[in-house]
């Protein structure tokens, strides 16, 4: 679904951490919203998203994965959520 919605989707690894049988990957993704995703029709906007993947490896294979990503940030890039306003100190 993501490849159809963002045909030019590309990822960049920002950093990785390997400990025992776990790998943590901090990444960014970027692409042009040209197809429907989550019932949202194409906006034509360039979309950026940040995320973290936590992978558990056994015998050289990924056996478990957790993927945490900034959905609200992606929706902001699509123009569907307002930009966050900085808070004012009292």
C-alpha atoms as a PDB file:
ATOM      1  CA  UNK A   1       0.000   0.000   0.000  1.00  0.00           C
ATOM      2  CA  UNK A   2       2.782   2.451   0.859  1.00  0.00           C
ATOM      3  CA  UNK A   3       4.653   1.829  -2.399  1.00  0.00           C
ATOM      4  CA  UNK A   4       1.461   2.535  -4.397  1.00  0.00           C
ATOM      5  CA  UNK A   5       0.758   5.722  -2.428  1.00  0.00           C
ATOM      6  CA  UNK A   6       4.389   6.901  -2.525  1.00  0.00           C
ATOM      7  CA  UNK A   7       5.961   5.399  -5.679  1.00  0.00           C
ATOM      8  CA  UNK A   8       9.228   7.309  -5.135  1.00  0.00           C
ATOM      9  CA  UNK A   9       9.448   6.329  -1.447  1.00  0.00           C
ATOM     10  CA  UNK A  10      13.005   6.183  -0.154  1.00  0.00           C
ATOM     11  CA  UNK A  11      14.464   5.611   3.294  1.00  0.00           C
ATOM     12  CA  UNK A  12      17.609   6.851   4.972  1.00  0.00           C
ATOM     13  CA  UNK A  13      19.111   5.204   8.038  1.00  0.00           C
ATOM     14  CA  UNK A  14      20.107   7.857  10.568  1.00  0.00           C
ATOM     15  CA  UNK A  15      21.646   5.551  13.162  1.00  0.00           C
ATOM     16  CA  UNK A  16      21.682   1.957  14.321  1.00  0.00           C
ATOM     17  CA  UNK A  17      22.284   0.251  17.637  1.00  0.00           C
ATOM     18  CA  UNK A  18      23.040  -3.458  17.879  1.00  0.00           C
ATOM     19  CA  UNK A  19      22.912  -5.232  21.211  1.00  0.00           C
ATOM     20  CA  UNK A  20      22.778  -8.990  21.618  1.00  0.00           C
ATOM     21  CA  UNK A  21      20.050 -10.189  19.232  1.00  0.00           C
ATOM     22  CA  UNK A  22      18.334  -6.779  18.815  1.00  0.00           C
ATOM     23  CA  UNK A  23      18.849  -4.067  16.238  1.00  0.00           C
ATOM     24  CA  UNK A  24      17.381  -0.583  16.662  1.00  0.00           C
ATOM     25  CA  UNK A  25      17.252   1.550  13.531  1.00  0.00           C
ATOM     26  CA  UNK A  26      16.423   5.273  13.520  1.00  0.00           C
ATOM     27  CA  UNK A  27      15.267   6.226  10.024  1.00  0.00           C
ATOM     28  CA  UNK A  28      13.533   8.825   7.880  1.00  0.00           C
ATOM     29  CA  UNK A  29      11.341   8.210   4.867  1.00  0.00           C
ATOM     30  CA  UNK A  30      10.411  10.604   2.087  1.00  0.00           C
ATOM     31  CA  UNK A  31       8.208  10.398  -0.970  1.00  0.00           C
ATOM     32  CA  UNK A  32       5.521  12.096  -3.038  1.00  0.00           C
ATOM     33  CA  UNK A  33       1.922  11.304  -2.070  1.00  0.00           C
ATOM     34  CA  UNK A  34       0.553  10.168  -5.461  1.00  0.00           C
ATOM     35  CA  UNK A  35      -1.899   7.432  -4.451  1.00  0.00           C
ATOM     36  CA  UNK A  36      -4.531   6.656  -1.832  1.00  0.00           C
ATOM     37  CA  UNK A  37      -3.308   5.600   1.625  1.00  0.00           C
ATOM     38  CA  UNK A  38      -5.468   5.109   4.749  1.00  0.00           C
ATOM     39  CA  UNK A  39      -8.461   6.279   2.658  1.00  0.00           C
ATOM     40  CA  UNK A  40      -6.652   9.581   2.000  1.00  0.00           C
ATOM     41  CA  UNK A  41      -6.608  10.465  -1.713  1.00  0.00           C
ATOM     42  CA  UNK A  42      -3.361  11.676  -3.291  1.00  0.00           C
ATOM     43  CA  UNK A  43      -2.349  15.209  -2.315  1.00  0.00           C
ATOM     44  CA  UNK A  44       0.748  15.518  -4.506  1.00  0.00           C
ATOM     45  CA  UNK A  45       2.682  16.734  -1.455  1.00  0.00           C
ATOM     46  CA  UNK A  46       6.245  15.711  -0.670  1.00  0.00           C
ATOM     47  CA  UNK A  47       5.920  13.807   2.607  1.00  0.00           C
ATOM     48  CA  UNK A  48       8.563  13.136   5.220  1.00  0.00           C
ATOM     49  CA  UNK A  49       8.242  10.773   8.162  1.00  0.00           C
ATOM     50  CA  UNK A  50      10.555   9.736  10.995  1.00  0.00           C
ATOM     51  CA  UNK A  51      10.547   6.393  12.720  1.00  0.00           C
ATOM     52  CA  UNK A  52      12.288   3.699  14.719  1.00  0.00           C
ATOM     53  CA  UNK A  53      12.387  -0.016  13.940  1.00  0.00           C
ATOM     54  CA  UNK A  54      13.283  -2.545  16.636  1.00  0.00           C
ATOM     55  CA  UNK A  55      14.156  -5.936  15.214  1.00  0.00           C
ATOM     56  CA  UNK A  56      14.817  -9.176  17.063  1.00  0.00           C
ATOM     57  CA  UNK A  57      17.096 -11.617  15.236  1.00  0.00           C
ATOM     58  CA  UNK A  58      17.307 -15.404  15.678  1.00  0.00           C
ATOM     59  CA  UNK A  59      19.502 -17.632  13.502  1.00  0.00           C
ATOM     60  CA  UNK A  60      20.075 -14.755  11.083  1.00  0.00           C
ATOM     61  CA  UNK A  61      16.356 -14.065  10.551  1.00  0.00           C
ATOM     62  CA  UNK A  62      14.079 -11.316  11.809  1.00  0.00           C
ATOM     63  CA  UNK A  63      11.601 -13.056  14.124  1.00  0.00           C
ATOM     64  CA  UNK A  64       9.956  -9.996  15.633  1.00  0.00           C
ATOM     65  CA  UNK A  65       9.674  -6.374  14.637  1.00  0.00           C
ATOM     66  CA  UNK A  66       8.251  -3.242  16.205  1.00  0.00           C
ATOM     67  CA  UNK A  67       7.828  -0.145  14.060  1.00  0.00           C
ATOM     68  CA  UNK A  68       7.146   3.240  15.600  1.00  0.00           C
ATOM     69  CA  UNK A  69       6.661   6.188  13.287  1.00  0.00           C
ATOM     70  CA  UNK A  70       5.371   9.745  13.370  1.00  0.00           C
ATOM     71  CA  UNK A  71       1.924   9.463  11.761  1.00  0.00           C
ATOM     72  CA  UNK A  72       0.907  12.977  12.866  1.00  0.00           C
ATOM     73  CA  UNK A  73       4.039  14.407  11.242  1.00  0.00           C
ATOM     74  CA  UNK A  74       3.245  12.561   8.012  1.00  0.00           C
ATOM     75  CA  UNK A  75      -0.320  13.946   8.050  1.00  0.00           C
ATOM     76  CA  UNK A  76       1.074  17.461   8.593  1.00  0.00           C
ATOM     77  CA  UNK A  77       3.236  17.078   5.472  1.00  0.00           C
ATOM     78  CA  UNK A  78       0.110  16.011   3.559  1.00  0.00           C
ATOM     79  CA  UNK A  79      -1.587  19.230   4.691  1.00  0.00           C
ATOM     80  CA  UNK A  80      -4.181  17.347   6.776  1.00  0.00           C
ATOM     81  CA  UNK A  81      -3.113  18.515  10.244  1.00  0.00           C
ATOM     82  CA  UNK A  82      -2.102  22.008  11.311  1.00  0.00           C
ATOM     83  CA  UNK A  83       1.520  22.791  12.118  1.00  0.00           C
ATOM     84  CA  UNK A  84       2.358  22.716  15.808  1.00  0.00           C
ATOM     85  CA  UNK A  85       2.667  26.111  17.396  1.00  0.00           C
ATOM     86  CA  UNK A  86       5.540  26.696  19.827  1.00  0.00           C
ATOM     87  CA  UNK A  87       4.435  27.001  23.428  1.00  0.00           C
ATOM     88  CA  UNK A  88       4.979  30.290  25.212  1.00  0.00           C
ATOM     89  CA  UNK A  89       6.671  30.313  28.571  1.00  0.00           C
ATOM     90  CA  UNK A  90       4.868  32.017  31.418  1.00  0.00           C
END
